[in-house]
Amino acid sequence: MKKISKTKITQLDVARHAGVTRSMVSYVLNGKGRAVAPQTRKKILDAISELGYRPNKFARALSMGKGGALADQHIGIVISGAEMFLRPYYTEILAGIHSQAHEKGFHIRFIRFFYELKDPVLFSQLIHSEEINGLLLVGIDQCLETDEDMRLIEKIKSQIDQIVCIDWQKTGLSSVLFDRQDAAFQAVNYLFLKGYEDIAYVGESDQRVTGFKQAFLEKGMKTSDHYIDSAMDMASGYEAVKRLHQKNNTLPRAVCCGSDEVAVGILLYLNEQNISVPGKTAVISIDNIEIAEYTNPQLTTVNVQKRAMGSCAVDMIVNRSAGSGENALSLLLPVSLVIRKSA
């Protein structure tokens, strides 16, 4: 079949490509897909994806020479899932994005979950240059599990020129994130300075583990994987320290947590077991979210520039410096120690 120019694609073109009536296409596009048989709906969605169909408002704008006007000051945000709205760390990043966009006269066009973009209708409505000037992908590495997910990233790259990954990296895309390795390195070195050497790590298994081990290696000491456990939130932090305690019938002299949320879960467990902090077990963490100042005891932590990650990503879009491929820009924000009372 002859390929149709993207600027001329209509519902009728989609219908012909799928071998269905135009009304069937309209039902699917208007969210009335339940009135269409599953096999027919799939044909329509495949046709939309293959042809790159866009809603009429964009076709009208293009015919009037106003295609770019719709997108010049609009930014899209894609996050891994609904749980991000509940995580203080990510809400601060999103706050930074919104504040800087407002400061620069830009508008947030949408916030969507990554899995939603697997819907060809929604993808064609949102992910193209007549809709947004740039796209921010926040923590998407947390939900990239299949080849289909990676193909979707590539499809996004083919549609949008200005893309910034926030709090993660993808080869060929610009990114803004904090120095995870240095954060853990600073935390462990502070524990060494305080005289602690029997130290466990509980947190995400990424560059933070590398920084944890680096601190030991530079001190001429060996780390034990026996004292490294994965966790990413309060519940998993609680369970991880519980496992360490039950497995060894004791706890290390100090725990380095990959995040403040993990540390909150650990503090709860230690409190339940009447284990004093830092008297029996010291706790240090990473992030410096607001709650860190209000735990009992207050958390010693490593500050991450969360709002700055969001604002710097917006600046990349505004300044059109969010290159791709060989021109991809990676911005690694420094971290700093915040000394309180838990270590």
Protein backbone atom coordinates (compact mmCIF):
# COMPACT_ATOMS: atom_id res chain seq x y z
CA MET A 1 0.00 0.00 0.00
CA LYS A 2 1.27 3.48 -0.88
CA LYS A 3 2.49 5.31 2.22
CA ILE A 4 0.34 8.31 3.08
CA SER A 5 1.95 11.63 3.99
CA LYS A 6 1.63 12.15 7.73
CA THR A 7 0.27 15.66 7.19
CA LYS A 8 -2.69 14.27 5.22
CA ILE A 9 -3.70 11.22 7.26
CA THR A 10 -7.40 11.13 8.12
CA GLN A 11 -9.73 8.75 9.92
CA LEU A 12 -10.78 7.50 6.51
CA ASP A 13 -7.16 6.62 5.69
CA VAL A 14 -6.94 4.67 8.95
CA ALA A 15 -10.22 2.91 8.16
CA ARG A 16 -9.01 1.87 4.70
CA HIS A 17 -5.68 0.69 6.06
CA ALA A 18 -7.42 -1.42 8.70
CA GLY A 19 -10.18 -2.61 6.38
CA VAL A 20 -12.99 -1.23 8.55
CA THR A 21 -15.54 1.56 8.40
CA ARG A 22 -14.77 5.12 9.42
CA SER A 23 -17.36 4.90 12.19
CA MET A 24 -15.40 2.01 13.72
CA VAL A 25 -12.29 4.19 13.80
CA SER A 26 -14.28 7.01 15.37
CA TYR A 27 -15.57 4.68 18.11
CA VAL A 28 -12.03 3.66 19.04
CA LEU A 29 -10.66 7.22 18.93
CA ASN A 30 -13.49 8.54 21.09
CA GLY A 31 -13.02 5.94 23.82
CA LYS A 32 -15.97 3.83 22.75
CA GLY A 33 -13.84 0.85 21.87
CA ARG A 34 -16.11 -1.52 23.81
CA ALA A 35 -18.53 -1.25 20.91
CA VAL A 36 -15.86 -2.71 18.63
CA ALA A 37 -14.76 -6.35 18.55
CA PRO A 38 -11.26 -6.89 20.08
CA GLN A 39 -9.73 -8.10 16.79
CA THR A 40 -11.16 -5.14 14.90
CA ARG A 41 -9.97 -2.73 17.57
CA LYS A 42 -6.45 -4.18 17.29
CA LYS A 43 -6.48 -3.68 13.51
CA ILE A 44 -7.46 -0.04 14.01
CA LEU A 45 -4.81 0.57 16.67
CA ASP A 46 -2.16 -1.05 14.48
CA ALA A 47 -3.19 1.15 11.55
CA ILE A 48 -3.03 4.27 13.72
CA SER A 49 0.46 3.31 14.86
CA GLU A 50 1.71 2.40 11.38
CA LEU A 51 0.35 5.50 9.69
CA GLY A 52 1.17 7.89 12.51
CA TYR A 53 -2.36 9.27 12.56
CA ARG A 54 -2.87 12.49 14.53
CA PRO A 55 -6.15 14.04 15.68
CA ASN A 56 -7.79 16.63 13.45
CA LYS A 57 -6.79 19.62 15.59
CA PHE A 58 -3.18 19.08 14.57
CA ALA A 59 -4.01 18.56 10.92
CA ARG A 60 -5.98 21.83 10.94
CA ALA A 61 -3.11 23.63 12.65
CA LEU A 62 -0.63 22.32 10.10
CA SER A 63 -2.82 23.33 7.17
CA MET A 64 -2.94 26.87 8.63
CA GLY A 65 0.82 26.97 9.11
CA LYS A 66 0.52 26.93 12.89
CA GLY A 67 1.88 23.49 13.70
CA GLY A 68 4.74 24.70 15.86
CA ALA A 69 2.63 27.26 17.67
CA LEU A 70 0.81 24.54 19.56
CA ALA A 71 4.03 23.16 21.00
CA ASP A 72 6.54 26.00 21.32
CA GLN A 73 6.05 26.45 25.06
CA HIS A 74 4.65 23.09 26.06
CA ILE A 75 6.49 20.32 27.92
CA GLY A 76 5.28 16.77 28.54
CA ILE A 77 6.15 14.65 31.56
CA VAL A 78 6.19 10.85 31.66
CA ILE A 79 6.67 9.02 34.98
CA SER A 80 7.02 5.33 35.77
CA GLY A 81 3.73 4.96 37.66
CA ALA A 82 1.22 6.32 40.17
CA GLU A 83 3.45 5.47 43.15
CA MET A 84 5.68 8.42 42.24
CA PHE A 85 2.97 10.81 43.38
CA LEU A 86 3.24 9.24 46.84
CA ARG A 87 7.03 9.44 47.10
CA PRO A 88 8.31 12.72 48.64
CA TYR A 89 11.53 12.44 46.64
CA TYR A 90 9.71 12.54 43.32
CA THR A 91 7.16 15.14 44.35
CA GLU A 92 10.07 17.51 44.99
CA ILE A 93 11.43 16.80 41.50
CA LEU A 94 8.00 17.45 40.00
CA ALA A 95 7.72 20.66 42.04
CA GLY A 96 11.05 21.79 40.58
CA ILE A 97 9.79 21.06 37.08
CA HIS A 98 6.56 23.00 37.52
CA SER A 99 8.20 25.98 39.24
CA GLN A 100 10.88 26.40 36.58
CA ALA A 101 8.42 25.90 33.70
CA HIS A 102 6.25 28.68 35.16
CA GLU A 103 9.30 30.90 35.66
CA LYS A 104 10.30 30.46 32.01
CA GLY A 105 6.78 30.97 30.64
CA PHE A 106 6.37 27.33 29.65
CA HIS A 107 3.39 25.09 30.33
CA ILE A 108 3.17 21.46 31.41
CA ARG A 109 1.00 19.92 28.70
CA PHE A 110 0.51 16.56 30.43
CA ILE A 111 1.77 14.10 33.04
CA ARG A 112 1.34 10.49 31.95
CA PHE A 113 2.40 7.04 33.11
CA PHE A 114 4.83 5.24 30.82
CA TYR A 115 2.56 2.24 30.26
CA GLU A 116 -0.21 4.54 28.98
CA LEU A 117 1.89 5.39 25.94
CA LYS A 118 1.58 1.81 24.76
CA ASP A 119 -1.90 2.87 23.59
CA PRO A 120 -1.34 3.97 19.95
CA VAL A 121 -4.23 6.44 20.13
CA LEU A 122 -2.85 8.25 23.16
CA PHE A 123 0.69 8.07 21.78
CA SER A 124 -0.35 9.71 18.52
CA GLN A 125 -2.25 12.41 20.40
CA LEU A 126 0.59 13.39 22.72
CA ILE A 127 4.01 12.30 21.49
CA HIS A 128 4.85 14.50 18.52
CA SER A 129 6.37 17.90 17.87
CA GLU A 130 3.04 19.62 17.15
CA GLU A 131 1.97 18.85 20.73
CA ILE A 132 5.09 19.45 22.86
CA ASN A 133 8.42 21.19 22.54
CA GLY A 134 10.16 18.72 24.84
CA LEU A 135 9.59 15.64 26.98
CA LEU A 136 10.82 14.81 30.51
CA LEU A 137 11.13 11.11 31.40
CA VAL A 138 11.21 10.84 35.20
CA GLY A 139 12.60 7.64 36.75
CA ILE A 140 11.48 5.55 33.79
CA ASP A 141 14.23 2.99 34.40
CA GLN A 142 12.03 1.61 37.20
CA CYS A 143 9.51 0.24 34.70
CA LEU A 144 11.65 -0.78 31.72
CA GLU A 145 11.28 -4.54 31.82
CA THR A 146 10.64 -5.89 28.32
CA ASP A 147 11.83 -5.48 24.74
CA GLU A 148 8.50 -3.79 24.05
CA ASP A 149 9.35 -1.15 26.66
CA MET A 150 12.70 -0.46 25.00
CA ARG A 151 11.05 -0.23 21.58
CA LEU A 152 8.64 2.32 23.00
CA ILE A 153 11.57 4.45 24.19
CA GLU A 154 13.02 4.31 20.67
CA LYS A 155 9.65 5.26 19.20
CA ILE A 156 9.50 8.27 21.54
CA LYS A 157 13.02 9.27 20.45
CA SER A 158 11.96 9.19 16.81
CA GLN A 159 9.11 11.64 17.47
CA ILE A 160 10.55 14.19 19.92
CA ASP A 161 13.85 16.05 19.49
CA GLN A 162 14.19 17.46 23.00
CA ILE A 163 14.10 14.67 25.63
CA VAL A 164 15.62 14.72 29.11
CA CYS A 165 15.85 11.72 31.46
CA ILE A 166 15.54 12.77 35.10
CA ASP A 167 17.07 10.60 37.87
CA TRP A 168 18.22 7.97 35.34
CA GLN A 169 20.34 7.65 32.21
CA LYS A 170 19.71 6.22 28.76
CA THR A 171 22.41 6.02 26.14
CA GLY A 172 21.79 8.61 23.45
CA LEU A 173 19.49 10.80 25.57
CA SER A 174 20.26 13.85 27.70
CA SER A 175 19.90 13.39 31.45
CA VAL A 176 19.97 15.09 34.84
CA LEU A 177 20.69 13.04 37.96
CA PHE A 178 22.61 13.16 41.21
CA ASP A 179 25.95 11.50 41.89
CA ARG A 180 24.70 8.30 43.53
CA GLN A 181 28.14 6.80 43.91
CA ASP A 182 29.54 9.86 45.66
CA ALA A 183 26.46 10.08 47.90
CA ALA A 184 27.09 6.61 49.36
CA PHE A 185 30.83 7.22 49.42
CA GLN A 186 30.37 10.37 51.52
CA ALA A 187 27.91 8.63 53.85
CA VAL A 188 30.24 5.71 54.58
CA ASN A 189 33.27 7.96 55.01
CA TYR A 190 31.34 9.97 57.58
CA LEU A 191 30.58 6.74 59.46
CA PHE A 192 34.29 5.87 59.35
CA LEU A 193 35.07 9.33 60.71
CA LYS A 194 32.70 8.66 63.61
CA GLY A 195 34.50 5.41 64.38
CA TYR A 196 32.04 2.92 62.80
CA GLU A 197 33.51 0.10 60.71
CA ASP A 198 30.87 -2.64 61.00
CA ILE A 199 28.50 -1.16 58.41
CA ALA A 200 25.64 -2.58 56.33
CA TYR A 201 24.09 -1.14 53.18
CA VAL A 202 20.31 -1.29 52.66
CA GLY A 203 18.93 0.37 49.55
CA GLU A 204 18.67 0.26 45.78
CA SER A 205 21.22 -1.85 43.93
CA ASP A 206 22.82 0.79 41.73
CA GLN A 207 25.83 3.12 41.84
CA ARG A 208 25.15 3.64 45.55
CA VAL A 209 26.42 0.10 46.18
CA THR A 210 29.53 0.98 44.15
CA GLY A 211 30.13 4.06 46.32
CA PHE A 212 29.60 1.98 49.47
CA LYS A 213 32.23 -0.52 48.38
CA GLN A 214 34.58 2.20 47.14
CA ALA A 215 34.74 3.75 50.60
CA PHE A 216 35.80 0.41 52.10
CA LEU A 217 38.37 -0.24 49.38
CA GLU A 218 39.98 3.18 49.80
CA LYS A 219 40.27 2.47 53.54
CA GLY A 220 41.92 -0.86 52.79
CA MET A 221 38.96 -2.86 54.10
CA LYS A 222 36.75 -5.48 52.50
CA THR A 223 32.97 -5.28 52.35
CA SER A 224 30.79 -8.29 52.86
CA ASP A 225 27.84 -8.97 50.55
CA HIS A 226 26.38 -10.55 53.64
CA TYR A 227 25.68 -7.00 54.78
CA ILE A 228 24.13 -5.67 51.56
CA ASP A 229 20.37 -5.90 51.05
CA SER A 230 18.00 -4.34 48.52
CA ALA A 231 15.22 -1.93 49.47
CA MET A 232 13.59 1.12 47.89
CA ASP A 233 10.89 2.38 50.26
CA MET A 234 9.81 2.34 53.92
CA ALA A 235 8.19 -1.10 53.82
CA SER A 236 11.11 -2.80 52.08
CA GLY A 237 13.59 -1.00 54.36
CA TYR A 238 11.76 -2.36 57.40
CA GLU A 239 11.80 -5.91 55.99
CA ALA A 240 15.44 -5.71 54.90
CA VAL A 241 16.78 -4.73 58.32
CA LYS A 242 14.53 -7.35 59.89
CA ARG A 243 16.15 -9.99 57.66
CA LEU A 244 19.63 -8.80 58.60
CA HIS A 245 18.74 -8.94 62.27
CA GLN A 246 17.18 -12.40 62.15
CA LYS A 247 19.86 -13.88 59.91
CA ASN A 248 22.77 -12.75 62.09
CA ASN A 249 21.00 -12.59 65.47
CA THR A 250 22.54 -9.15 65.75
CA LEU A 251 22.79 -5.91 63.81
CA PRO A 252 25.83 -4.12 62.39
CA ARG A 253 27.11 -1.09 64.28
CA ALA A 254 25.81 1.21 61.53
CA VAL A 255 23.48 1.09 58.51
CA CYS A 256 23.94 3.16 55.36
CA CYS A 257 20.54 3.56 53.69
CA GLY A 258 20.08 4.19 49.98
CA SER A 259 17.27 6.67 50.70
CA ASP A 260 15.55 8.46 53.56
CA GLU A 261 12.39 6.44 52.97
CA VAL A 262 14.33 3.22 53.51
CA ALA A 263 15.82 4.77 56.67
CA VAL A 264 12.34 5.59 58.04
CA GLY A 265 11.37 1.92 57.76
CA ILE A 266 14.60 0.91 59.46
CA LEU A 267 14.08 3.38 62.31
CA LEU A 268 10.62 1.93 62.92
CA TYR A 269 12.01 -1.60 63.19
CA LEU A 270 14.84 -0.51 65.49
CA ASN A 271 12.36 1.33 67.70
CA GLU A 272 10.13 -1.75 67.93
CA GLN A 273 13.15 -3.82 68.98
CA ASN A 274 14.22 -1.22 71.56
CA ILE A 275 17.51 -0.74 69.73
CA SER A 276 18.75 2.77 70.41
CA VAL A 277 19.92 5.00 67.57
CA PRO A 278 22.77 5.83 67.33
CA GLY A 279 23.68 4.21 70.68
CA LYS A 280 23.46 0.60 69.45
CA THR A 281 23.05 1.09 65.70
CA ALA A 282 23.73 4.31 63.82
CA VAL A 283 21.72 5.17 60.71
CA ILE A 284 22.72 7.41 57.81
CA SER A 285 20.80 7.87 54.58
CA ILE A 286 20.59 9.65 51.23
CA ASP A 287 18.08 12.21 49.79
CA ASN A 288 17.29 14.71 52.59
CA ILE A 289 13.53 14.75 52.02
CA GLU A 290 11.55 16.91 54.44
CA ILE A 291 10.67 14.09 56.84
CA ALA A 292 14.38 13.46 57.54
CA GLU A 293 14.41 16.47 59.85
CA TYR A 294 11.41 15.22 61.82
CA THR A 295 12.24 11.56 62.53
CA ASN A 296 13.31 10.46 66.00
CA PRO A 297 16.23 10.81 66.04
CA GLN A 298 16.63 13.26 63.19
CA LEU A 299 18.31 11.61 60.21
CA THR A 300 21.86 12.35 59.25
CA THR A 301 21.64 12.19 55.47
CA VAL A 302 23.20 13.23 52.18
CA ASN A 303 21.36 16.08 50.48
CA VAL A 304 20.24 15.50 46.89
CA GLN A 305 19.28 18.55 44.81
CA LYS A 306 15.85 17.23 43.94
CA ARG A 307 14.15 20.45 42.83
CA ALA A 308 17.30 21.42 40.94
CA MET A 309 17.09 18.19 38.92
CA GLY A 310 13.62 19.22 37.76
CA SER A 311 14.53 22.84 37.08
CA CYS A 312 17.75 21.96 35.22
CA ALA A 313 15.85 19.54 32.99
CA VAL A 314 13.35 22.28 32.12
CA ASP A 315 16.23 24.66 31.33
CA MET A 316 17.62 22.10 28.88
CA ILE A 317 14.30 22.10 27.03
CA VAL A 318 13.94 25.88 27.13
CA ASN A 319 17.52 26.43 25.92
CA ARG A 320 17.25 23.61 23.37
CA SER A 321 20.40 22.01 24.77
CA ALA A 322 18.85 18.56 25.31
CA GLY A 323 20.75 16.90 22.50
CA SER A 324 20.56 13.24 21.54
CA GLY A 325 22.97 10.64 20.21
CA GLU A 326 26.53 11.97 20.28
CA ASN A 327 25.18 15.37 21.34
CA ALA A 328 23.42 14.04 24.44
CA LEU A 329 24.17 16.10 27.55
CA SER A 330 24.53 14.44 30.96
CA LEU A 331 24.36 16.68 34.03
CA LEU A 332 25.47 15.09 37.31
CA LEU A 333 24.49 17.22 40.30
CA PRO A 334 26.78 17.18 43.39
CA VAL A 335 25.61 16.08 46.83
CA SER A 336 26.45 17.26 50.35
CA LEU A 337 26.32 15.83 53.87
CA VAL A 338 23.65 17.02 56.34
CA ILE A 339 24.68 16.09 59.90
CA ARG A 340 21.88 15.52 62.40
CA LYS A 341 21.50 13.01 65.24
CA SER A 342 21.06 9.45 63.89
CA ALA A 343 24.77 8.89 63.22
